[in-house]
């Protein structure tokens, strides 16, 4: 079944840019009353979402993010997103969205 994007989401004006490399790096905590984020990585990466996540490349409890692909995730306030490179260093960009 094709997935549709909820066009009611709007950017709050808050974003976090985190450099990642061979070590996992975390975003800032998601703000109060935020339940959706827009995520993009500048190079192929692996991400993990949680209260204190550590991203690990090529493991089944992490999400593979191809470079330049935008993805939306439903999150809880206080959670963070961690990223680690697949083959090259890059930046994780997390934009907080609201309805």
PDB file of N, CA and C in Angstrom:
ATOM      1  N   UNK A   1       0.847  -1.166   0.000  1.00  0.00           N
ATOM      2  CA  UNK A   1       0.000   0.000   0.000  1.00  0.00           C
ATOM      3  C   UNK A   1       0.900   1.239   0.000  1.00  0.00           C
ATOM      4  N   UNK A   2       0.675   2.185  -0.896  1.00  0.00           N
ATOM      5  CA  UNK A   2       1.495   3.400  -0.931  1.00  0.00           C
ATOM      6  C   UNK A   2       1.281   4.245   0.319  1.00  0.00           C
ATOM      7  N   UNK A   3       2.351   4.875   0.745  1.00  0.00           N
ATOM      8  CA  UNK A   3       2.280   5.743   1.913  1.00  0.00           C
ATOM      9  C   UNK A   3       2.053   7.177   1.459  1.00  0.00           C
ATOM     10  N   UNK A   4       1.208   7.890   2.148  1.00  0.00           N
ATOM     11  CA  UNK A   4       0.975   9.290   1.810  1.00  0.00           C
ATOM     12  C   UNK A   4       1.548  10.176   2.903  1.00  0.00           C
ATOM     13  N   UNK A   5       1.978  11.358   2.536  1.00  0.00           N
ATOM     14  CA  UNK A   5       2.503  12.319   3.486  1.00  0.00           C
ATOM     15  C   UNK A   5       1.361  13.182   4.007  1.00  0.00           C
ATOM     16  N   UNK A   6       1.337  13.385   5.298  1.00  0.00           N
ATOM     17  CA  UNK A   6       0.316  14.215   5.924  1.00  0.00           C
ATOM     18  C   UNK A   6       0.653  15.679   5.657  1.00  0.00           C
ATOM     19  N   UNK A   7      -0.077  16.311   4.757  1.00  0.00           N
ATOM     20  CA  UNK A   7       0.227  17.679   4.350  1.00  0.00           C
ATOM     21  C   UNK A   7      -0.142  18.711   5.414  1.00  0.00           C
ATOM     22  N   UNK A   8      -0.697  18.260   6.533  1.00  0.00           N
ATOM     23  CA  UNK A   8      -1.019  19.203   7.597  1.00  0.00           C
ATOM     24  C   UNK A   8       0.191  19.494   8.476  1.00  0.00           C
ATOM     25  N   UNK A   9       1.297  18.794   8.288  1.00  0.00           N
ATOM     26  CA  UNK A   9       2.489  19.045   9.086  1.00  0.00           C
ATOM     27  C   UNK A   9       3.149  20.343   8.642  1.00  0.00           C
ATOM     28  N   UNK A  10       3.572  21.127   9.610  1.00  0.00           N
ATOM     29  CA  UNK A  10       4.255  22.396   9.351  1.00  0.00           C
ATOM     30  C   UNK A  10       5.523  22.457  10.189  1.00  0.00           C
ATOM     31  N   UNK A  11       6.579  23.037   9.624  1.00  0.00           N
ATOM     32  CA  UNK A  11       7.835  23.197  10.337  1.00  0.00           C
ATOM     33  C   UNK A  11       7.670  24.231  11.437  1.00  0.00           C
ATOM     34  N   UNK A  12       8.172  23.948  12.620  1.00  0.00           N
ATOM     35  CA  UNK A  12       8.065  24.862  13.761  1.00  0.00           C
ATOM     36  C   UNK A  12       9.109  25.969  13.718  1.00  0.00           C
ATOM     37  N   UNK A  13      10.119  25.812  12.872  1.00  0.00           N
ATOM     38  CA  UNK A  13      11.241  26.745  12.848  1.00  0.00           C
ATOM     39  C   UNK A  13      12.421  26.226  13.654  1.00  0.00           C
ATOM     40  N   UNK A  14      12.251  25.073  14.302  1.00  0.00           N
ATOM     41  CA  UNK A  14      13.320  24.467  15.094  1.00  0.00           C
ATOM     42  C   UNK A  14      13.940  23.301  14.337  1.00  0.00           C
ATOM     43  N   UNK A  15      15.271  23.333  14.216  1.00  0.00           N
ATOM     44  CA  UNK A  15      16.017  22.246  13.587  1.00  0.00           C
ATOM     45  C   UNK A  15      17.281  21.983  14.377  1.00  0.00           C
ATOM     46  N   UNK A  16      17.813  20.791  14.229  1.00  0.00           N
ATOM     47  CA  UNK A  16      19.079  20.428  14.847  1.00  0.00           C
ATOM     48  C   UNK A  16      19.924  19.756  13.772  1.00  0.00           C
ATOM     49  N   UNK A  17      21.161  20.214  13.622  1.00  0.00           N
ATOM     50  CA  UNK A  17      22.101  19.614  12.672  1.00  0.00           C
ATOM     51  C   UNK A  17      23.224  18.995  13.484  1.00  0.00           C
ATOM     52  N   UNK A  18      23.441  17.687  13.280  1.00  0.00           N
ATOM     53  CA  UNK A  18      24.427  16.945  14.050  1.00  0.00           C
ATOM     54  C   UNK A  18      25.384  16.249  13.102  1.00  0.00           C
ATOM     55  N   UNK A  19      26.677  16.481  13.272  1.00  0.00           N
ATOM     56  CA  UNK A  19      27.693  15.799  12.468  1.00  0.00           C
ATOM     57  C   UNK A  19      27.867  14.371  12.990  1.00  0.00           C
ATOM     58  N   UNK A  20      27.906  13.407  12.077  1.00  0.00           N
ATOM     59  CA  UNK A  20      28.156  12.023  12.477  1.00  0.00           C
ATOM     60  C   UNK A  20      29.351  11.481  11.696  1.00  0.00           C
ATOM     61  N   UNK A  21      29.963  10.466  12.268  1.00  0.00           N
ATOM     62  CA  UNK A  21      31.128   9.836  11.633  1.00  0.00           C
ATOM     63  C   UNK A  21      31.113   8.362  12.002  1.00  0.00           C
ATOM     64  N   UNK A  22      32.256   7.816  12.377  1.00  0.00           N
ATOM     65  CA  UNK A  22      32.330   6.407  12.759  1.00  0.00           C
ATOM     66  C   UNK A  22      31.808   6.179  14.167  1.00  0.00           C
ATOM     67  N   UNK A  23      31.511   7.276  14.888  1.00  0.00           N
ATOM     68  CA  UNK A  23      30.918   7.188  16.214  1.00  0.00           C
ATOM     69  C   UNK A  23      29.486   7.719  16.153  1.00  0.00           C
ATOM     70  N   UNK A  24      28.608   7.125  16.917  1.00  0.00           N
ATOM     71  CA  UNK A  24      27.215   7.567  16.975  1.00  0.00           C
ATOM     72  C   UNK A  24      27.142   8.963  17.574  1.00  0.00           C
ATOM     73  N   UNK A  25      26.298   9.813  16.991  1.00  0.00           N
ATOM     74  CA  UNK A  25      26.076  11.170  17.491  1.00  0.00           C
ATOM     75  C   UNK A  25      24.578  11.386  17.643  1.00  0.00           C
ATOM     76  N   UNK A  26      24.180  12.092  18.715  1.00  0.00           N
ATOM     77  CA  UNK A  26      22.762  12.295  19.022  1.00  0.00           C
ATOM     78  C   UNK A  26      22.307  13.717  18.752  1.00  0.00           C
ATOM     79  N   UNK A  27      21.047  13.824  18.349  1.00  0.00           N
ATOM     80  CA  UNK A  27      20.397  15.133  18.233  1.00  0.00           C
ATOM     81  C   UNK A  27      20.042  15.638  19.621  1.00  0.00           C
ATOM     82  N   UNK A  28      19.625  16.882  19.681  1.00  0.00           N
ATOM     83  CA  UNK A  28      19.055  17.416  20.920  1.00  0.00           C
ATOM     84  C   UNK A  28      17.732  16.702  21.175  1.00  0.00           C
ATOM     85  N   UNK A  29      17.263  16.779  22.395  1.00  0.00           N
ATOM     86  CA  UNK A  29      15.979  16.163  22.739  1.00  0.00           C
ATOM     87  C   UNK A  29      14.842  16.857  21.999  1.00  0.00           C
ATOM     88  N   UNK A  30      13.874  16.082  21.543  1.00  0.00           N
ATOM     89  CA  UNK A  30      12.695  16.622  20.880  1.00  0.00           C
ATOM     90  C   UNK A  30      11.919  17.477  21.884  1.00  0.00           C
ATOM     91  N   UNK A  31      11.490  18.645  21.444  1.00  0.00           N
ATOM     92  CA  UNK A  31      10.802  19.604  22.315  1.00  0.00           C
ATOM     93  C   UNK A  31       9.449  19.091  22.805  1.00  0.00           C
ATOM     94  N   UNK A  32       8.988  19.703  23.901  1.00  0.00           N
ATOM     95  CA  UNK A  32       7.659  19.393  24.444  1.00  0.00           C
ATOM     96  C   UNK A  32       6.597  19.674  23.386  1.00  0.00           C
ATOM     97  N   UNK A  33       5.572  18.862  23.356  1.00  0.00           N
ATOM     98  CA  UNK A  33       4.433  18.998  22.438  1.00  0.00           C
ATOM     99  C   UNK A  33       4.781  18.763  20.978  1.00  0.00           C
ATOM    100  N   UNK A  34       5.930  18.152  20.695  1.00  0.00           N
ATOM    101  CA  UNK A  34       6.303  17.793  19.318  1.00  0.00           C
ATOM    102  C   UNK A  34       6.206  16.279  19.187  1.00  0.00           C
ATOM    103  N   UNK A  35       5.473  15.825  18.163  1.00  0.00           N
ATOM    104  CA  UNK A  35       5.261  14.397  17.966  1.00  0.00           C
ATOM    105  C   UNK A  35       5.662  13.917  16.577  1.00  0.00           C
ATOM    106  N   UNK A  36       6.146  14.831  15.728  1.00  0.00           N
ATOM    107  CA  UNK A  36       6.584  14.461  14.383  1.00  0.00           C
ATOM    108  C   UNK A  36       7.858  15.211  14.035  1.00  0.00           C
ATOM    109  N   UNK A  37       8.775  14.514  13.365  1.00  0.00           N
ATOM    110  CA  UNK A  37      10.012  15.146  12.911  1.00  0.00           C
ATOM    111  C   UNK A  37      10.271  14.779  11.453  1.00  0.00           C
ATOM    112  N   UNK A  38      10.995  15.662  10.780  1.00  0.00           N
ATOM    113  CA  UNK A  38      11.466  15.430   9.414  1.00  0.00           C
ATOM    114  C   UNK A  38      12.956  15.186   9.515  1.00  0.00           C
ATOM    115  N   UNK A  39      13.433  14.074   8.961  1.00  0.00           N
ATOM    116  CA  UNK A  39      14.837  13.682   9.087  1.00  0.00           C
ATOM    117  C   UNK A  39      15.443  13.495   7.706  1.00  0.00           C
ATOM    118  N   UNK A  40      16.672  14.006   7.539  1.00  0.00           N
ATOM    119  CA  UNK A  40      17.444  13.771   6.320  1.00  0.00           C
ATOM    120  C   UNK A  40      18.913  13.682   6.714  1.00  0.00           C
ATOM    121  N   UNK A  41      19.658  12.836   6.021  1.00  0.00           N
ATOM    122  CA  UNK A  41      21.096  12.686   6.240  1.00  0.00           C
ATOM    123  C   UNK A  41      21.822  13.067   4.953  1.00  0.00           C
ATOM    124  N   UNK A  42      22.993  13.702   5.101  1.00  0.00           N
ATOM    125  CA  UNK A  42      23.727  14.165   3.918  1.00  0.00           C
ATOM    126  C   UNK A  42      24.593  13.079   3.287  1.00  0.00           C
ATOM    127  N   UNK A  43      24.784  11.974   3.984  1.00  0.00           N
ATOM    128  CA  UNK A  43      25.454  10.795   3.413  1.00  0.00           C
ATOM    129  C   UNK A  43      24.693   9.573   3.906  1.00  0.00           C
ATOM    130  N   UNK A  44      24.927   8.431   3.293  1.00  0.00           N
ATOM    131  CA  UNK A  44      24.255   7.209   3.740  1.00  0.00           C
ATOM    132  C   UNK A  44      24.566   6.984   5.216  1.00  0.00           C
ATOM    133  N   UNK A  45      23.524   6.715   6.002  1.00  0.00           N
ATOM    134  CA  UNK A  45      23.703   6.587   7.453  1.00  0.00           C
ATOM    135  C   UNK A  45      22.713   5.594   8.039  1.00  0.00           C
ATOM    136  N   UNK A  46      22.926   5.285   9.295  1.00  0.00           N
ATOM    137  CA  UNK A  46      22.026   4.464  10.098  1.00  0.00           C
ATOM    138  C   UNK A  46      21.549   5.317  11.253  1.00  0.00           C
ATOM    139  N   UNK A  47      20.258   5.277  11.553  1.00  0.00           N
ATOM    140  CA  UNK A  47      19.731   6.076  12.659  1.00  0.00           C
ATOM    141  C   UNK A  47      18.969   5.197  13.638  1.00  0.00           C
ATOM    142  N   UNK A  48      18.846   5.709  14.849  1.00  0.00           N
ATOM    143  CA  UNK A  48      18.055   5.040  15.880  1.00  0.00           C
ATOM    144  C   UNK A  48      17.358   6.119  16.692  1.00  0.00           C
ATOM    145  N   UNK A  49      16.108   5.886  17.053  1.00  0.00           N
ATOM    146  CA  UNK A  49      15.296   6.840  17.801  1.00  0.00           C
ATOM    147  C   UNK A  49      15.012   6.266  19.184  1.00  0.00           C
ATOM    148  N   UNK A  50      15.185   7.098  20.220  1.00  0.00           N
ATOM    149  CA  UNK A  50      14.906   6.641  21.576  1.00  0.00           C
ATOM    150  C   UNK A  50      15.247   7.710  22.591  1.00  0.00           C
ATOM    151  N   UNK A  51      15.190   7.359  23.869  1.00  0.00           N
ATOM    152  CA  UNK A  51      15.480   8.336  24.915  1.00  0.00           C
ATOM    153  C   UNK A  51      16.977   8.589  25.055  1.00  0.00           C
ATOM    154  N   UNK A  52      17.796   7.614  24.796  1.00  0.00           N
ATOM    155  CA  UNK A  52      19.259   7.762  24.807  1.00  0.00           C
ATOM    156  C   UNK A  52      19.844   6.791  23.790  1.00  0.00           C
ATOM    157  N   UNK A  53      19.534   6.992  22.491  1.00  0.00           N
ATOM    158  CA  UNK A  53      19.893   6.007  21.481  1.00  0.00           C
ATOM    159  C   UNK A  53      21.375   6.042  21.096  1.00  0.00           C
ATOM    160  N   UNK A  54      21.872   4.891  20.698  1.00  0.00           N
ATOM    161  CA  UNK A  54      23.194   4.780  20.090  1.00  0.00           C
ATOM    162  C   UNK A  54      22.998   4.079  18.765  1.00  0.00           C
ATOM    163  N   UNK A  55      23.310   4.772  17.680  1.00  0.00           N
ATOM    164  CA  UNK A  55      23.180   4.174  16.357  1.00  0.00           C
ATOM    165  C   UNK A  55      24.344   3.215  16.112  1.00  0.00           C
ATOM    166  N   UNK A  56      24.037   2.086  15.492  1.00  0.00           N
ATOM    167  CA  UNK A  56      25.044   1.087  15.151  1.00  0.00           C
ATOM    168  C   UNK A  56      24.812   0.701  13.696  1.00  0.00           C
ATOM    169  N   UNK A  57      25.850   0.793  12.892  1.00  0.00           N
ATOM    170  CA  UNK A  57      25.717   0.503  11.459  1.00  0.00           C
ATOM    171  C   UNK A  57      25.322  -0.948  11.214  1.00  0.00           C
ATOM    172  N   UNK A  58      24.438  -1.119  10.247  1.00  0.00           N
ATOM    173  CA  UNK A  58      24.054  -2.437   9.733  1.00  0.00           C
ATOM    174  C   UNK A  58      23.515  -3.387  10.794  1.00  0.00           C
ATOM    175  N   UNK A  59      22.698  -2.873  11.712  1.00  0.00           N
ATOM    176  CA  UNK A  59      22.036  -3.758  12.672  1.00  0.00           C
ATOM    177  C   UNK A  59      20.531  -3.648  12.478  1.00  0.00           C
ATOM    178  N   UNK A  60      19.822  -4.703  12.819  1.00  0.00           N
ATOM    179  CA  UNK A  60      18.395  -4.762  12.503  1.00  0.00           C
ATOM    180  C   UNK A  60      17.515  -3.873  13.370  1.00  0.00           C
ATOM    181  N   UNK A  61      18.035  -3.265  14.430  1.00  0.00           N
ATOM    182  CA  UNK A  61      17.196  -2.357  15.216  1.00  0.00           C
ATOM    183  C   UNK A  61      17.522  -0.888  14.912  1.00  0.00           C
ATOM    184  N   UNK A  62      18.220  -0.642  13.815  1.00  0.00           N
ATOM    185  CA  UNK A  62      18.523   0.699  13.326  1.00  0.00           C
ATOM    186  C   UNK A  62      17.875   0.873  11.959  1.00  0.00           C
ATOM    187  N   UNK A  63      17.675   2.114  11.559  1.00  0.00           N
ATOM    188  CA  UNK A  63      17.014   2.414  10.285  1.00  0.00           C
ATOM    189  C   UNK A  63      18.053   2.942   9.310  1.00  0.00           C
ATOM    190  N   UNK A  64      18.117   2.361   8.133  1.00  0.00           N
ATOM    191  CA  UNK A  64      19.047   2.831   7.103  1.00  0.00           C
ATOM    192  C   UNK A  64      18.448   4.055   6.416  1.00  0.00           C
ATOM    193  N   UNK A  65      19.239   5.123   6.337  1.00  0.00           N
ATOM    194  CA  UNK A  65      18.807   6.363   5.692  1.00  0.00           C
ATOM    195  C   UNK A  65      19.739   6.658   4.521  1.00  0.00           C
ATOM    196  N   UNK A  66      19.271   6.486   3.280  1.00  0.00           N
ATOM    197  CA  UNK A  66      20.087   6.854   2.135  1.00  0.00           C
ATOM    198  C   UNK A  66      20.297   8.374   2.100  1.00  0.00           C
ATOM    199  N   UNK A  67      21.417   8.803   1.587  1.00  0.00           N
ATOM    200  CA  UNK A  67      21.740  10.232   1.512  1.00  0.00           C
ATOM    201  C   UNK A  67      20.658  11.004   0.769  1.00  0.00           C
ATOM    202  N   UNK A  68      20.248  12.128   1.342  1.00  0.00           N
ATOM    203  CA  UNK A  68      19.319  13.026   0.679  1.00  0.00           C
ATOM    204  C   UNK A  68      17.860  12.620   0.696  1.00  0.00           C
ATOM    205  N   UNK A  69      17.538  11.487   1.291  1.00  0.00           N
ATOM    206  CA  UNK A  69      16.145  11.029   1.337  1.00  0.00           C
ATOM    207  C   UNK A  69      15.480  11.601   2.589  1.00  0.00           C
ATOM    208  N   UNK A  70      14.351  12.258   2.394  1.00  0.00           N
ATOM    209  CA  UNK A  70      13.607  12.848   3.509  1.00  0.00           C
ATOM    210  C   UNK A  70      12.621  11.815   4.041  1.00  0.00           C
ATOM    211  N   UNK A  71      12.605  11.676   5.365  1.00  0.00           N
ATOM    212  CA  UNK A  71      11.679  10.745   6.006  1.00  0.00           C
ATOM    213  C   UNK A  71      11.049  11.441   7.200  1.00  0.00           C
ATOM    214  N   UNK A  72       9.787  11.138   7.454  1.00  0.00           N
ATOM    215  CA  UNK A  72       9.066  11.678   8.600  1.00  0.00           C
ATOM    216  C   UNK A  72       8.873  10.570   9.622  1.00  0.00           C
ATOM    217  N   UNK A  73       9.068  10.898  10.892  1.00  0.00           N
ATOM    218  CA  UNK A  73       8.896   9.925  11.966  1.00  0.00           C
ATOM    219  C   UNK A  73       7.993  10.504  13.043  1.00  0.00           C
ATOM    220  N   UNK A  74       7.154   9.641  13.597  1.00  0.00           N
ATOM    221  CA  UNK A  74       6.329   9.994  14.750  1.00  0.00           C
ATOM    222  C   UNK A  74       7.187   9.708  15.976  1.00  0.00           C
ATOM    223  N   UNK A  75       7.357  10.690  16.845  1.00  0.00           N
ATOM    224  CA  UNK A  75       8.234  10.577  18.005  1.00  0.00           C
ATOM    225  C   UNK A  75       7.500  11.032  19.268  1.00  0.00           C
ATOM    226  N   UNK A  76       8.185  10.931  20.386  1.00  0.00           N
ATOM    227  CA  UNK A  76       7.668  11.446  21.653  1.00  0.00           C
ATOM    228  C   UNK A  76       8.578  12.570  22.131  1.00  0.00           C
ATOM    229  N   UNK A  77       8.016  13.568  22.783  1.00  0.00           N
ATOM    230  CA  UNK A  77       8.853  14.633  23.333  1.00  0.00           C
ATOM    231  C   UNK A  77       9.948  14.036  24.233  1.00  0.00           C
ATOM    232  N   UNK A  78      11.142  14.599  24.146  1.00  0.00           N
ATOM    233  CA  UNK A  78      12.262  14.116  24.950  1.00  0.00           C
ATOM    234  C   UNK A  78      13.108  13.061  24.265  1.00  0.00           C
ATOM    235  N   UNK A  79      12.568  12.418  23.234  1.00  0.00           N
ATOM    236  CA  UNK A  79      13.372  11.438  22.516  1.00  0.00           C
ATOM    237  C   UNK A  79      14.463  12.152  21.714  1.00  0.00           C
ATOM    238  N   UNK A  80      15.464  11.389  21.310  1.00  0.00           N
ATOM    239  CA  UNK A  80      16.567  11.893  20.488  1.00  0.00           C
ATOM    240  C   UNK A  80      16.735  10.963  19.290  1.00  0.00           C
ATOM    241  N   UNK A  81      17.449  11.457  18.287  1.00  0.00           N
ATOM    242  CA  UNK A  81      17.771  10.634  17.126  1.00  0.00           C
ATOM    243  C   UNK A  81      19.288  10.569  17.018  1.00  0.00           C
ATOM    244  N   UNK A  82      19.804   9.365  16.940  1.00  0.00           N
ATOM    245  CA  UNK A  82      21.244   9.152  16.808  1.00  0.00           C
ATOM    246  C   UNK A  82      21.546   8.690  15.391  1.00  0.00           C
ATOM    247  N   UNK A  83      22.724   9.055  14.897  1.00  0.00           N
ATOM    248  CA  UNK A  83      23.143   8.649  13.555  1.00  0.00           C
ATOM    249  C   UNK A  83      24.608   8.220  13.565  1.00  0.00           C
ATOM    250  N   UNK A  84      24.923   7.307  12.661  1.00  0.00           N
ATOM    251  CA  UNK A  84      26.295   6.873  12.428  1.00  0.00           C
ATOM    252  C   UNK A  84      26.461   6.670  10.928  1.00  0.00           C
ATOM    253  N   UNK A  85      27.627   6.943  10.430  1.00  0.00           N
ATOM    254  CA  UNK A  85      27.853   6.848   8.982  1.00  0.00           C
ATOM    255  C   UNK A  85      27.798   5.412   8.480  1.00  0.00           C
ATOM    256  N   UNK A  86      27.453   5.284   7.216  1.00  0.00           N
ATOM    257  CA  UNK A  86      27.548   3.983   6.546  1.00  0.00           C
ATOM    258  C   UNK A  86      28.915   3.894   5.881  1.00  0.00           C
ATOM    259  N   UNK A  87      29.222   4.829   4.974  1.00  0.00           N
ATOM    260  CA  UNK A  87      30.524   4.808   4.306  1.00  0.00           C
ATOM    261  C   UNK A  87      31.253   6.151   4.333  1.00  0.00           C
ATOM    262  N   UNK A  88      30.555   7.240   4.648  1.00  0.00           N
ATOM    263  CA  UNK A  88      31.184   8.561   4.677  1.00  0.00           C
ATOM    264  C   UNK A  88      30.560   9.415   5.774  1.00  0.00           C
ATOM    265  N   UNK A  89      31.353  10.310   6.356  1.00  0.00           N
ATOM    266  CA  UNK A  89      30.843  11.239   7.368  1.00  0.00           C
ATOM    267  C   UNK A  89      29.755  12.123   6.766  1.00  0.00           C
ATOM    268  N   UNK A  90      28.888  12.636   7.612  1.00  0.00           N
ATOM    269  CA  UNK A  90      27.822  13.505   7.113  1.00  0.00           C
ATOM    270  C   UNK A  90      27.132  14.238   8.238  1.00  0.00           C
ATOM    271  N   UNK A  91      25.992  14.821   7.910  1.00  0.00           N
ATOM    272  CA  UNK A  91      25.180  15.547   8.888  1.00  0.00           C
ATOM    273  C   UNK A  91      23.770  14.970   8.937  1.00  0.00           C
ATOM    274  N   UNK A  92      23.251  14.842  10.140  1.00  0.00           N
ATOM    275  CA  UNK A  92      21.870  14.474  10.393  1.00  0.00           C
ATOM    276  C   UNK A  92      21.113  15.769  10.635  1.00  0.00           C
ATOM    277  N   UNK A  93      20.011  15.967   9.927  1.00  0.00           N
ATOM    278  CA  UNK A  93      19.196  17.168  10.111  1.00  0.00           C
ATOM    279  C   UNK A  93      17.824  16.716  10.612  1.00  0.00           C
ATOM    280  N   UNK A  94      17.453  17.212  11.797  1.00  0.00           N
ATOM    281  CA  UNK A  94      16.178  16.870  12.413  1.00  0.00           C
ATOM    282  C   UNK A  94      15.357  18.160  12.522  1.00  0.00           C
ATOM    283  N   UNK A  95      14.241  18.225  11.831  1.00  0.00           N
ATOM    284  CA  UNK A  95      13.355  19.391  11.885  1.00  0.00           C
ATOM    285  C   UNK A  95      12.083  19.012  12.627  1.00  0.00           C
ATOM    286  N   UNK A  96      11.740  19.817  13.629  1.00  0.00           N
ATOM    287  CA  UNK A  96      10.525  19.546  14.403  1.00  0.00           C
ATOM    288  C   UNK A  96       9.320  20.051  13.637  1.00  0.00           C
ATOM    289  N   UNK A  97       8.286  19.225  13.587  1.00  0.00           N
ATOM    290  CA  UNK A  97       7.067  19.529  12.832  1.00  0.00           C
ATOM    291  C   UNK A  97       5.868  19.568  13.774  1.00  0.00           C
ATOM    292  N   UNK A  98       4.862  20.350  13.397  1.00  0.00           N
ATOM    293  CA  UNK A  98       3.647  20.434  14.182  1.00  0.00           C
ATOM    294  C   UNK A  98       2.442  20.397  13.246  1.00  0.00           C
ATOM    295  N   UNK A  99       1.287  20.201  13.805  1.00  0.00           N
ATOM    296  CA  UNK A  99       0.050  20.151  13.015  1.00  0.00           C
ATOM    297  C   UNK A  99      -0.684  21.453  13.118  1.00  0.00           C
TER     298      UNK A  99
END
